[in-house]
PDB file of all heavy atoms in Angstrom:
ATOM      1  N   ILE A   1    -126.001  75.011 -61.254  1.00  0.00           N
ATOM      2  CA  ILE A   1    -125.426  75.965 -60.312  1.00  0.00           C
ATOM      3  C   ILE A   1    -126.305  75.948 -59.055  1.00  0.00           C
ATOM      4  O   ILE A   1    -127.497  76.225 -59.113  1.00  0.00           O
ATOM      5  CB  ILE A   1    -125.309  77.371 -60.926  1.00  0.00           C
ATOM      6  CG1 ILE A   1    -124.593  78.321 -59.973  1.00  0.00           C
ATOM      7  CG2 ILE A   1    -126.638  77.914 -61.365  1.00  0.00           C
ATOM      8  CD1 ILE A   1    -124.216  79.657 -60.614  1.00  0.00           C
ATOM      9  N   VAL A   2    -125.690  75.588 -57.952  1.00  0.00           N
ATOM     10  CA  VAL A   2    -126.413  75.494 -56.687  1.00  0.00           C
ATOM     11  C   VAL A   2    -125.720  76.433 -55.701  1.00  0.00           C
ATOM     12  O   VAL A   2    -124.607  76.151 -55.237  1.00  0.00           O
ATOM     13  CB  VAL A   2    -126.431  74.045 -56.155  1.00  0.00           C
ATOM     14  CG1 VAL A   2    -127.179  73.961 -54.833  1.00  0.00           C
ATOM     15  CG2 VAL A   2    -127.043  73.110 -57.186  1.00  0.00           C
ATOM     16  N   LEU A   3    -126.366  77.562 -55.437  1.00  0.00           N
ATOM     17  CA  LEU A   3    -125.755  78.581 -54.590  1.00  0.00           C
ATOM     18  C   LEU A   3    -125.376  78.031 -53.218  1.00  0.00           C
ATOM     19  O   LEU A   3    -124.313  78.352 -52.693  1.00  0.00           O
ATOM     20  CB  LEU A   3    -126.682  79.788 -54.449  1.00  0.00           C
ATOM     21  CG  LEU A   3    -126.120  80.950 -53.633  1.00  0.00           C
ATOM     22  CD1 LEU A   3    -124.825  81.490 -54.249  1.00  0.00           C
ATOM     23  CD2 LEU A   3    -127.155  82.045 -53.481  1.00  0.00           C
ATOM     24  N   GLU A   4    -126.221  77.186 -52.648  1.00  0.00           N
ATOM     25  CA  GLU A   4    -125.938  76.642 -51.319  1.00  0.00           C
ATOM     26  C   GLU A   4    -124.611  75.880 -51.302  1.00  0.00           C
ATOM     27  O   GLU A   4    -123.850  75.952 -50.343  1.00  0.00           O
ATOM     28  CB  GLU A   4    -127.073  75.723 -50.853  1.00  0.00           C
ATOM     29  CG  GLU A   4    -128.383  76.439 -50.616  1.00  0.00           C
ATOM     30  CD  GLU A   4    -129.218  76.617 -51.886  1.00  0.00           C
ATOM     31  OE1 GLU A   4    -128.740  76.288 -52.999  1.00  0.00           O
ATOM     32  OE2 GLU A   4    -130.344  77.109 -51.771  1.00  0.00           O
ATOM     33  N   THR A   5    -124.327  75.148 -52.367  1.00  0.00           N
ATOM     34  CA  THR A   5    -123.061  74.415 -52.455  1.00  0.00           C
ATOM     35  C   THR A   5    -121.903  75.392 -52.585  1.00  0.00           C
ATOM     36  O   THR A   5    -120.884  75.261 -51.890  1.00  0.00           O
ATOM     37  CB  THR A   5    -123.083  73.456 -53.663  1.00  0.00           C
ATOM     38  OG1 THR A   5    -124.126  72.500 -53.468  1.00  0.00           O
ATOM     39  CG2 THR A   5    -121.760  72.727 -53.810  1.00  0.00           C
ATOM     40  N   LEU A   6    -122.043  76.377 -53.459  1.00  0.00           N
ATOM     41  CA  LEU A   6    -120.959  77.333 -53.655  1.00  0.00           C
ATOM     42  C   LEU A   6    -120.683  78.143 -52.389  1.00  0.00           C
ATOM     43  O   LEU A   6    -119.523  78.436 -52.081  1.00  0.00           O
ATOM     44  CB  LEU A   6    -121.284  78.257 -54.822  1.00  0.00           C
ATOM     45  CG  LEU A   6    -121.249  77.577 -56.194  1.00  0.00           C
ATOM     46  CD1 LEU A   6    -121.799  78.504 -57.268  1.00  0.00           C
ATOM     47  CD2 LEU A   6    -119.844  77.116 -56.535  1.00  0.00           C
ATOM     48  N   LEU A   7    -121.722  78.490 -51.648  1.00  0.00           N
ATOM     49  CA  LEU A   7    -121.507  79.229 -50.406  1.00  0.00           C
ATOM     50  C   LEU A   7    -120.689  78.417 -49.414  1.00  0.00           C
ATOM     51  O   LEU A   7    -119.875  78.963 -48.677  1.00  0.00           O
ATOM     52  CB  LEU A   7    -122.846  79.653 -49.793  1.00  0.00           C
ATOM     53  CG  LEU A   7    -123.597  80.745 -50.547  1.00  0.00           C
ATOM     54  CD1 LEU A   7    -124.961  80.986 -49.914  1.00  0.00           C
ATOM     55  CD2 LEU A   7    -122.785  82.033 -50.627  1.00  0.00           C
ATOM     56  N   GLN A   8    -120.887  77.112 -49.392  1.00  0.00           N
ATOM     57  CA  GLN A   8    -120.103  76.243 -48.510  1.00  0.00           C
ATOM     58  C   GLN A   8    -118.630  76.213 -48.913  1.00  0.00           C
ATOM     59  O   GLN A   8    -117.767  75.892 -48.097  1.00  0.00           O
ATOM     60  CB  GLN A   8    -120.661  74.819 -48.533  1.00  0.00           C
ATOM     61  CG  GLN A   8    -121.998  74.662 -47.861  1.00  0.00           C
ATOM     62  CD  GLN A   8    -121.895  74.796 -46.359  1.00  0.00           C
ATOM     63  OE1 GLN A   8    -120.947  74.317 -45.749  1.00  0.00           O
ATOM     64  NE2 GLN A   8    -122.858  75.453 -45.754  1.00  0.00           N
ATOM     65  N   LEU A   9    -118.355  76.537 -50.175  1.00  0.00           N
ATOM     66  CA  LEU A   9    -116.983  76.494 -50.677  1.00  0.00           C
ATOM     67  C   LEU A   9    -116.261  77.837 -50.588  1.00  0.00           C
ATOM     68  O   LEU A   9    -115.072  77.916 -50.898  1.00  0.00           O
ATOM     69  CB  LEU A   9    -116.977  76.004 -52.135  1.00  0.00           C
ATOM     70  CG  LEU A   9    -117.500  74.592 -52.350  1.00  0.00           C
ATOM     71  CD1 LEU A   9    -117.498  74.245 -53.828  1.00  0.00           C
ATOM     72  CD2 LEU A   9    -116.689  73.578 -51.547  1.00  0.00           C
ATOM     73  N   ARG A  10    -116.972  78.890 -50.160  1.00  0.00           N
ATOM     74  CA  ARG A  10    -116.297  80.191 -49.994  1.00  0.00           C
ATOM     75  C   ARG A  10    -115.104  80.012 -49.077  1.00  0.00           C
ATOM     76  O   ARG A  10    -115.197  79.371 -48.047  1.00  0.00           O
ATOM     77  CB  ARG A  10    -117.242  81.219 -49.387  1.00  0.00           C
ATOM     78  CG  ARG A  10    -118.034  81.976 -50.384  1.00  0.00           C
ATOM     79  CD  ARG A  10    -118.773  83.123 -49.748  1.00  0.00           C
ATOM     80  NE  ARG A  10    -119.557  82.658 -48.610  1.00  0.00           N
ATOM     81  CZ  ARG A  10    -120.611  83.289 -48.118  1.00  0.00           C
ATOM     82  NH1 ARG A  10    -120.994  84.417 -48.629  1.00  0.00           N
ATOM     83  NH2 ARG A  10    -121.268  82.803 -47.097  1.00  0.00           N
ATOM     84  N   GLY A  11    -113.993  80.570 -49.470  1.00  0.00           N
ATOM     85  CA  GLY A  11    -112.780  80.439 -48.669  1.00  0.00           C
ATOM     86  C   GLY A  11    -111.973  79.194 -49.019  1.00  0.00           C
ATOM     87  O   GLY A  11    -110.825  79.065 -48.603  1.00  0.00           O
ATOM     88  N   ARG A  12    -112.561  78.265 -49.764  1.00  0.00           N
ATOM     89  CA  ARG A  12    -111.858  77.036 -50.155  1.00  0.00           C
ATOM     90  C   ARG A  12    -111.574  76.987 -51.650  1.00  0.00           C
ATOM     91  O   ARG A  12    -110.906  76.080 -52.114  1.00  0.00           O
ATOM     92  CB  ARG A  12    -112.700  75.808 -49.787  1.00  0.00           C
ATOM     93  CG  ARG A  12    -112.819  75.583 -48.309  1.00  0.00           C
ATOM     94  CD  ARG A  12    -113.756  74.446 -47.986  1.00  0.00           C
ATOM     95  NE  ARG A  12    -113.249  73.153 -48.385  1.00  0.00           N
ATOM     96  CZ  ARG A  12    -113.884  72.014 -48.153  1.00  0.00           C
ATOM     97  NH1 ARG A  12    -115.040  72.023 -47.524  1.00  0.00           N
ATOM     98  NH2 ARG A  12    -113.373  70.872 -48.548  1.00  0.00           N
ATOM     99  N   VAL A  13    -112.118  77.949 -52.397  1.00  0.00           N
ATOM    100  CA  VAL A  13    -111.994  77.906 -53.851  1.00  0.00           C
ATOM    101  C   VAL A  13    -111.229  79.150 -54.331  1.00  0.00           C
ATOM    102  O   VAL A  13    -111.476  80.257 -53.867  1.00  0.00           O
ATOM    103  CB  VAL A  13    -113.379  77.788 -54.529  1.00  0.00           C
ATOM    104  CG1 VAL A  13    -114.237  79.006 -54.296  1.00  0.00           C
ATOM    105  CG2 VAL A  13    -113.259  77.506 -55.998  1.00  0.00           C
ATOM    106  N   GLY A  14    -110.269  78.912 -55.241  1.00  0.00           N
ATOM    107  CA  GLY A  14    -109.492  80.016 -55.784  1.00  0.00           C
ATOM    108  C   GLY A  14    -110.338  80.937 -56.638  1.00  0.00           C
ATOM    109  O   GLY A  14    -110.243  82.162 -56.531  1.00  0.00           O
ATOM    110  N   ALA A  15    -111.186  80.354 -57.492  1.00  0.00           N
ATOM    111  CA  ALA A  15    -112.083  81.149 -58.334  1.00  0.00           C
ATOM    112  C   ALA A  15    -113.196  80.269 -58.862  1.00  0.00           C
ATOM    113  O   ALA A  15    -113.011  79.073 -59.097  1.00  0.00           O
ATOM    114  CB  ALA A  15    -111.327  81.785 -59.503  1.00  0.00           C
ATOM    115  N   VAL A  16    -114.346  80.882 -59.051  1.00  0.00           N
ATOM    116  CA  VAL A  16    -115.460  80.238 -59.730  1.00  0.00           C
ATOM    117  C   VAL A  16    -115.443  80.788 -61.156  1.00  0.00           C
ATOM    118  O   VAL A  16    -115.533  81.997 -61.363  1.00  0.00           O
ATOM    119  CB  VAL A  16    -116.811  80.543 -59.041  1.00  0.00           C
ATOM    120  CG1 VAL A  16    -117.955  79.868 -59.786  1.00  0.00           C
ATOM    121  CG2 VAL A  16    -116.774  80.110 -57.582  1.00  0.00           C
ATOM    122  N   VAL A  17    -115.295  79.902 -62.136  1.00  0.00           N
ATOM    123  CA  VAL A  17    -115.210  80.306 -63.540  1.00  0.00           C
ATOM    124  C   VAL A  17    -116.608  80.219 -64.139  1.00  0.00           C
ATOM    125  O   VAL A  17    -117.260  79.170 -64.067  1.00  0.00           O
ATOM    126  CB  VAL A  17    -114.221  79.407 -64.317  1.00  0.00           C
ATOM    127  CG1 VAL A  17    -114.127  79.838 -65.772  1.00  0.00           C
ATOM    128  CG2 VAL A  17    -112.840  79.428 -63.653  1.00  0.00           C
ATOM    129  N   VAL A  18    -117.060  81.338 -64.718  1.00  0.00           N
ATOM    130  CA  VAL A  18    -118.406  81.407 -65.288  1.00  0.00           C
ATOM    131  C   VAL A  18    -118.352  82.006 -66.688  1.00  0.00           C
ATOM    132  O   VAL A  18    -117.478  82.817 -66.992  1.00  0.00           O
ATOM    133  CB  VAL A  18    -119.370  82.244 -64.410  1.00  0.00           C
ATOM    134  CG1 VAL A  18    -119.531  81.639 -63.025  1.00  0.00           C
ATOM    135  CG2 VAL A  18    -118.921  83.691 -64.322  1.00  0.00           C
ATOM    136  N   PRO A  19    -119.304  81.645 -67.552  1.00  0.00           N
ATOM    137  CA  PRO A  19    -119.365  82.261 -68.882  1.00  0.00           C
ATOM    138  C   PRO A  19    -119.917  83.686 -68.801  1.00  0.00           C
ATOM    139  O   PRO A  19    -120.770  83.988 -67.976  1.00  0.00           O
ATOM    140  CB  PRO A  19    -120.316  81.341 -69.648  1.00  0.00           C
ATOM    141  CG  PRO A  19    -121.155  80.693 -68.601  1.00  0.00           C
ATOM    142  CD  PRO A  19    -120.299  80.588 -67.370  1.00  0.00           C
ATOM    143  N   ARG A  20    -119.409  84.541 -69.682  1.00  0.00           N
ATOM    144  CA  ARG A  20    -119.856  85.940 -69.754  1.00  0.00           C
ATOM    145  C   ARG A  20    -121.255  86.003 -70.362  1.00  0.00           C
ATOM    146  O   ARG A  20    -121.545  85.346 -71.348  1.00  0.00           O
ATOM    147  CB  ARG A  20    -118.884  86.758 -70.597  1.00  0.00           C
ATOM    148  CG  ARG A  20    -119.170  88.252 -70.596  1.00  0.00           C
ATOM    149  CD  ARG A  20    -118.141  89.041 -71.411  1.00  0.00           C
ATOM    150  NE  ARG A  20    -116.758  88.674 -71.120  1.00  0.00           N
ATOM    151  CZ  ARG A  20    -116.047  89.119 -70.078  1.00  0.00           C
ATOM    152  NH1 ARG A  20    -116.605  89.934 -69.206  1.00  0.00           N
ATOM    153  NH2 ARG A  20    -114.793  88.746 -69.908  1.00  0.00           N
ATOM    154  N   SER A  21    -122.114  86.823 -69.773  1.00  0.00           N
ATOM    155  CA  SER A  21    -123.472  86.996 -70.303  1.00  0.00           C
ATOM    156  C   SER A  21    -123.462  88.039 -71.415  1.00  0.00           C
ATOM    157  O   SER A  21    -122.456  88.709 -71.656  1.00  0.00           O
ATOM    158  CB  SER A  21    -124.429  87.428 -69.190  1.00  0.00           C
ATOM    159  OG  SER A  21    -124.147  88.752 -68.792  1.00  0.00           O
ATOM    160  N   SER A  22    -124.612  88.213 -72.059  1.00  0.00           N
ATOM    161  CA  SER A  22    -124.723  89.198 -73.137  1.00  0.00           C
ATOM    162  C   SER A  22    -124.967  90.602 -72.610  1.00  0.00           C
ATOM    163  O   SER A  22    -125.093  91.527 -73.389  1.00  0.00           O
ATOM    164  CB  SER A  22    -125.826  88.791 -74.118  1.00  0.00           C
ATOM    165  OG  SER A  22    -127.061  88.698 -73.444  1.00  0.00           O
ATOM    166  N   LYS A  23    -125.057  90.769 -71.311  1.00  0.00           N
ATOM    167  CA  LYS A  23    -125.224  92.063 -70.651  1.00  0.00           C
ATOM    168  C   LYS A  23    -126.561  92.728 -70.986  1.00  0.00           C
ATOM    169  O   LYS A  23    -126.854  93.014 -72.129  1.00  0.00           O
ATOM    170  CB  LYS A  23    -124.093  93.034 -71.009  1.00  0.00           C
ATOM    171  CG  LYS A  23    -122.716  92.515 -70.763  1.00  0.00           C
ATOM    172  CD  LYS A  23    -122.368  92.551 -69.307  1.00  0.00           C
ATOM    173  CE  LYS A  23    -120.908  92.160 -69.132  1.00  0.00           C
ATOM    174  NZ  LYS A  23    -120.636  91.493 -67.951  1.00  0.00           N
ATOM    175  N   GLY A  24    -127.348  92.918 -69.985  1.00  0.00           N
ATOM    176  CA  GLY A  24    -128.582  93.670 -70.139  1.00  0.00           C
ATOM    177  C   GLY A  24    -129.779  92.878 -70.629  1.00  0.00           C
ATOM    178  O   GLY A  24    -130.814  93.450 -70.906  1.00  0.00           O
ATOM    179  N   SER A  25    -129.665  91.577 -70.733  1.00  0.00           N
ATOM    180  CA  SER A  25    -130.776  90.763 -71.196  1.00  0.00           C
ATOM    181  C   SER A  25    -131.424  90.074 -69.998  1.00  0.00           C
ATOM    182  O   SER A  25    -130.737  89.411 -69.219  1.00  0.00           O
ATOM    183  CB  SER A  25    -130.285  89.720 -72.202  1.00  0.00           C
ATOM    184  OG  SER A  25    -131.308  88.812 -72.504  1.00  0.00           O
ATOM    185  N   LEU A  26    -132.725  90.213 -69.882  1.00  0.00           N
ATOM    186  CA  LEU A  26    -133.438  89.615 -68.759  1.00  0.00           C
ATOM    187  C   LEU A  26    -133.276  88.102 -68.718  1.00  0.00           C
ATOM    188  O   LEU A  26    -133.166  87.509 -67.651  1.00  0.00           O
ATOM    189  CB  LEU A  26    -134.927  89.987 -68.841  1.00  0.00           C
ATOM    190  CG  LEU A  26    -135.805  89.564 -67.676  1.00  0.00           C
ATOM    191  CD1 LEU A  26    -135.307  90.176 -66.373  1.00  0.00           C
ATOM    192  CD2 LEU A  26    -137.241  89.977 -67.931  1.00  0.00           C
ATOM    193  N   CYS A  27    -133.229  87.462 -69.883  1.00  0.00           N
ATOM    194  CA  CYS A  27    -133.121  86.000 -69.904  1.00  0.00           C
ATOM    195  C   CYS A  27    -131.673  85.530 -69.808  1.00  0.00           C
ATOM    196  O   CYS A  27    -131.412  84.331 -69.762  1.00  0.00           O
ATOM    197  CB  CYS A  27    -133.802  85.422 -71.142  1.00  0.00           C
ATOM    198  SG  CYS A  27    -133.057  85.915 -72.694  1.00  0.00           S
ATOM    199  N   ASP A  28    -130.705  86.448 -69.770  1.00  0.00           N
ATOM    200  CA  ASP A  28    -129.288  86.093 -69.719  1.00  0.00           C
ATOM    201  C   ASP A  28    -128.590  86.885 -68.610  1.00  0.00           C
ATOM    202  O   ASP A  28    -127.725  87.715 -68.875  1.00  0.00           O
ATOM    203  CB  ASP A  28    -128.651  86.393 -71.083  1.00  0.00           C
ATOM    204  CG  ASP A  28    -127.266  85.785 -71.234  1.00  0.00           C
ATOM    205  OD1 ASP A  28    -126.920  84.855 -70.490  1.00  0.00           O
ATOM    206  OD2 ASP A  28    -126.532  86.255 -72.133  1.00  0.00           O
ATOM    207  N   PRO A  29    -128.959  86.634 -67.360  1.00  0.00           N
ATOM    208  CA  PRO A  29    -128.364  87.409 -66.270  1.00  0.00           C
ATOM    209  C   PRO A  29    -126.877  87.083 -66.105  1.00  0.00           C
ATOM    210  O   PRO A  29    -126.410  86.019 -66.496  1.00  0.00           O
ATOM    211  CB  PRO A  29    -129.166  86.970 -65.044  1.00  0.00           C
ATOM    212  CG  PRO A  29    -129.654  85.611 -65.386  1.00  0.00           C
ATOM    213  CD  PRO A  29    -129.881  85.616 -66.875  1.00  0.00           C
ATOM    214  N   SER A  30    -126.160  88.008 -65.508  1.00  0.00           N
ATOM    215  CA  SER A  30    -124.729  87.838 -65.280  1.00  0.00           C
ATOM    216  C   SER A  30    -124.488  86.908 -64.097  1.00  0.00           C
ATOM    217  O   SER A  30    -124.783  87.269 -62.947  1.00  0.00           O
ATOM    218  CB  SER A  30    -124.084  89.196 -65.021  1.00  0.00           C
ATOM    219  OG  SER A  30    -122.753  89.017 -64.584  1.00  0.00           O
ATOM    220  N   LEU A  31    -123.929  85.744 -64.380  1.00  0.00           N
ATOM    221  CA  LEU A  31    -123.565  84.821 -63.299  1.00  0.00           C
ATOM    222  C   LEU A  31    -122.435  85.410 -62.463  1.00  0.00           C
ATOM    223  O   LEU A  31    -122.380  85.209 -61.249  1.00  0.00           O
ATOM    224  CB  LEU A  31    -123.154  83.470 -63.880  1.00  0.00           C
ATOM    225  CG  LEU A  31    -124.226  82.720 -64.663  1.00  0.00           C
ATOM    226  CD1 LEU A  31    -123.651  81.461 -65.302  1.00  0.00           C
ATOM    227  CD2 LEU A  31    -125.406  82.387 -63.775  1.00  0.00           C
ATOM    228  N   ALA A  32    -121.528  86.157 -63.106  1.00  0.00           N
ATOM    229  CA  ALA A  32    -120.412  86.770 -62.389  1.00  0.00           C
ATOM    230  C   ALA A  32    -120.918  87.779 -61.357  1.00  0.00           C
ATOM    231  O   ALA A  32    -120.457  87.791 -60.203  1.00  0.00           O
ATOM    232  CB  ALA A  32    -119.461  87.437 -63.371  1.00  0.00           C
ATOM    233  N   LEU A  33    -121.855  88.608 -61.736  1.00  0.00           N
ATOM    234  CA  LEU A  33    -122.408  89.601 -60.819  1.00  0.00           C
ATOM    235  C   LEU A  33    -123.116  88.917 -59.650  1.00  0.00           C
ATOM    236  O   LEU A  33    -122.923  89.270 -58.487  1.00  0.00           O
ATOM    237  CB  LEU A  33    -123.366  90.516 -61.584  1.00  0.00           C
ATOM    238  CG  LEU A  33    -123.935  91.709 -60.836  1.00  0.00           C
ATOM    239  CD1 LEU A  33    -122.831  92.657 -60.393  1.00  0.00           C
ATOM    240  CD2 LEU A  33    -124.928  92.444 -61.727  1.00  0.00           C
ATOM    241  N   TYR A  34    -123.923  87.926 -59.969  1.00  0.00           N
ATOM    242  CA  TYR A  34    -124.675  87.166 -58.965  1.00  0.00           C
ATOM    243  C   TYR A  34    -123.740  86.534 -57.935  1.00  0.00           C
ATOM    244  O   TYR A  34    -123.904  86.689 -56.731  1.00  0.00           O
ATOM    245  CB  TYR A  34    -125.504  86.128 -59.721  1.00  0.00           C
ATOM    246  CG  TYR A  34    -126.060  84.948 -58.980  1.00  0.00           C
ATOM    247  CD1 TYR A  34    -126.896  85.106 -57.884  1.00  0.00           C
ATOM    248  CD2 TYR A  34    -125.798  83.649 -59.418  1.00  0.00           C
ATOM    249  CE1 TYR A  34    -127.444  84.007 -57.239  1.00  0.00           C
ATOM    250  CE2 TYR A  34    -126.344  82.550 -58.778  1.00  0.00           C
ATOM    251  CZ  TYR A  34    -127.154  82.735 -57.689  1.00  0.00           C
ATOM    252  OH  TYR A  34    -127.686  81.650 -57.057  1.00  0.00           O
ATOM    253  N   LEU A  35    -122.707  85.839 -58.412  1.00  0.00           N
ATOM    254  CA  LEU A  35    -121.825  85.111 -57.503  1.00  0.00           C
ATOM    255  C   LEU A  35    -120.857  86.037 -56.765  1.00  0.00           C
ATOM    256  O   LEU A  35    -120.532  85.784 -55.605  1.00  0.00           O
ATOM    257  CB  LEU A  35    -121.064  84.026 -58.267  1.00  0.00           C
ATOM    258  CG  LEU A  35    -121.948  82.910 -58.814  1.00  0.00           C
ATOM    259  CD1 LEU A  35    -121.134  81.930 -59.650  1.00  0.00           C
ATOM    260  CD2 LEU A  35    -122.683  82.183 -57.696  1.00  0.00           C
ATOM    261  N   SER A  36    -120.407  87.108 -57.411  1.00  0.00           N
ATOM    262  CA  SER A  36    -119.512  88.031 -56.710  1.00  0.00           C
ATOM    263  C   SER A  36    -120.247  88.733 -55.576  1.00  0.00           C
ATOM    264  O   SER A  36    -119.670  88.982 -54.522  1.00  0.00           O
ATOM    265  CB  SER A  36    -118.878  89.025 -57.678  1.00  0.00           C
ATOM    266  OG  SER A  36    -119.845  89.863 -58.248  1.00  0.00           O
ATOM    267  N   HIS A  37    -121.537  89.023 -55.760  1.00  0.00           N
ATOM    268  CA  HIS A  37    -122.324  89.628 -54.676  1.00  0.00           C
ATOM    269  C   HIS A  37    -122.564  88.644 -53.536  1.00  0.00           C
ATOM    270  O   HIS A  37    -122.855  89.062 -52.417  1.00  0.00           O
ATOM    271  CB  HIS A  37    -123.654  90.183 -55.196  1.00  0.00           C
ATOM    272  CG  HIS A  37    -123.522  91.532 -55.805  1.00  0.00           C
ATOM    273  ND1 HIS A  37    -123.433  92.687 -55.069  1.00  0.00           N
ATOM    274  CD2 HIS A  37    -123.421  91.913 -57.096  1.00  0.00           C
ATOM    275  CE1 HIS A  37    -123.296  93.719 -55.867  1.00  0.00           C
ATOM    276  NE2 HIS A  37    -123.282  93.275 -57.114  1.00  0.00           N
ATOM    277  N   ALA A  38    -122.414  87.359 -53.825  1.00  0.00           N
ATOM    278  CA  ALA A  38    -122.524  86.341 -52.775  1.00  0.00           C
ATOM    279  C   ALA A  38    -121.181  86.111 -52.084  1.00  0.00           C
ATOM    280  O   ALA A  38    -121.062  85.236 -51.242  1.00  0.00           O
ATOM    281  CB  ALA A  38    -123.051  85.035 -53.367  1.00  0.00           C
ATOM    282  N   GLY A  39    -120.164  86.893 -52.475  1.00  0.00           N
ATOM    283  CA  GLY A  39    -118.869  86.807 -51.809  1.00  0.00           C
ATOM    284  C   GLY A  39    -117.913  85.781 -52.384  1.00  0.00           C
ATOM    285  O   GLY A  39    -116.939  85.418 -51.734  1.00  0.00           O
ATOM    286  N   LEU A  40    -118.176  85.333 -53.599  1.00  0.00           N
ATOM    287  CA  LEU A  40    -117.306  84.339 -54.221  1.00  0.00           C
ATOM    288  C   LEU A  40    -116.327  85.003 -55.185  1.00  0.00           C
ATOM    289  O   LEU A  40    -116.683  85.968 -55.859  1.00  0.00           O
ATOM    290  CB  LEU A  40    -118.142  83.300 -54.969  1.00  0.00           C
ATOM    291  CG  LEU A  40    -118.950  82.393 -54.055  1.00  0.00           C
ATOM    292  CD1 LEU A  40    -120.197  81.892 -54.749  1.00  0.00           C
ATOM    293  CD2 LEU A  40    -118.087  81.229 -53.603  1.00  0.00           C
ATOM    294  N   PRO A  41    -115.098  84.499 -55.259  1.00  0.00           N
ATOM    295  CA  PRO A  41    -114.160  85.019 -56.241  1.00  0.00           C
ATOM    296  C   PRO A  41    -114.529  84.479 -57.620  1.00  0.00           C
ATOM    297  O   PRO A  41    -114.678  83.278 -57.805  1.00  0.00           O
ATOM    298  CB  PRO A  41    -112.811  84.456 -55.776  1.00  0.00           C
ATOM    299  CG  PRO A  41    -113.163  83.199 -55.043  1.00  0.00           C
ATOM    300  CD  PRO A  41    -114.528  83.440 -54.427  1.00  0.00           C
ATOM    301  N   VAL A  42    -114.718  85.363 -58.594  1.00  0.00           N
ATOM    302  CA  VAL A  42    -115.263  84.967 -59.889  1.00  0.00           C
ATOM    303  C   VAL A  42    -114.318  85.363 -61.019  1.00  0.00           C
ATOM    304  O   VAL A  42    -113.741  86.457 -61.005  1.00  0.00           O
ATOM    305  CB  VAL A  42    -116.648  85.618 -60.120  1.00  0.00           C
ATOM    306  CG1 VAL A  42    -117.204  85.273 -61.485  1.00  0.00           C
ATOM    307  CG2 VAL A  42    -117.624  85.208 -59.030  1.00  0.00           C
ATOM    308  N   LEU A  43    -114.180  84.474 -62.003  1.00  0.00           N
ATOM    309  CA  LEU A  43    -113.513  84.769 -63.268  1.00  0.00           C
ATOM    310  C   LEU A  43    -114.535  84.563 -64.377  1.00  0.00           C
ATOM    311  O   LEU A  43    -115.127  83.492 -64.471  1.00  0.00           O
ATOM    312  CB  LEU A  43    -112.335  83.827 -63.507  1.00  0.00           C
ATOM    313  CG  LEU A  43    -111.083  84.039 -62.673  1.00  0.00           C
ATOM    314  CD1 LEU A  43    -110.071  82.934 -62.950  1.00  0.00           C
ATOM    315  CD2 LEU A  43    -110.473  85.391 -62.982  1.00  0.00           C
ATOM    316  N   GLU A  44    -114.742  85.587 -65.187  1.00  0.00           N
ATOM    317  CA  GLU A  44    -115.705  85.512 -66.279  1.00  0.00           C
ATOM    318  C   GLU A  44    -114.951  85.222 -67.580  1.00  0.00           C
ATOM    319  O   GLU A  44    -113.934  85.848 -67.856  1.00  0.00           O
ATOM    320  CB  GLU A  44    -116.442  86.841 -66.366  1.00  0.00           C
ATOM    321  CG  GLU A  44    -117.748  86.800 -67.078  1.00  0.00           C
ATOM    322  CD  GLU A  44    -118.503  88.112 -66.940  1.00  0.00           C
ATOM    323  OE1 GLU A  44    -117.883  89.193 -66.921  1.00  0.00           O
ATOM    324  OE2 GLU A  44    -119.735  88.048 -66.866  1.00  0.00           O
TER     325      GLU A  44
END
């Protein structure tokens, strides 16, 4: 996962599909939360 690449695709991608995290685990952060805050459309 390379944020710089995904940011270049904002507006060109229908959705970024990511696996659901276990919620609340420091070693398993939410990819959906991270990418949605970067302005990307996300499906978990």
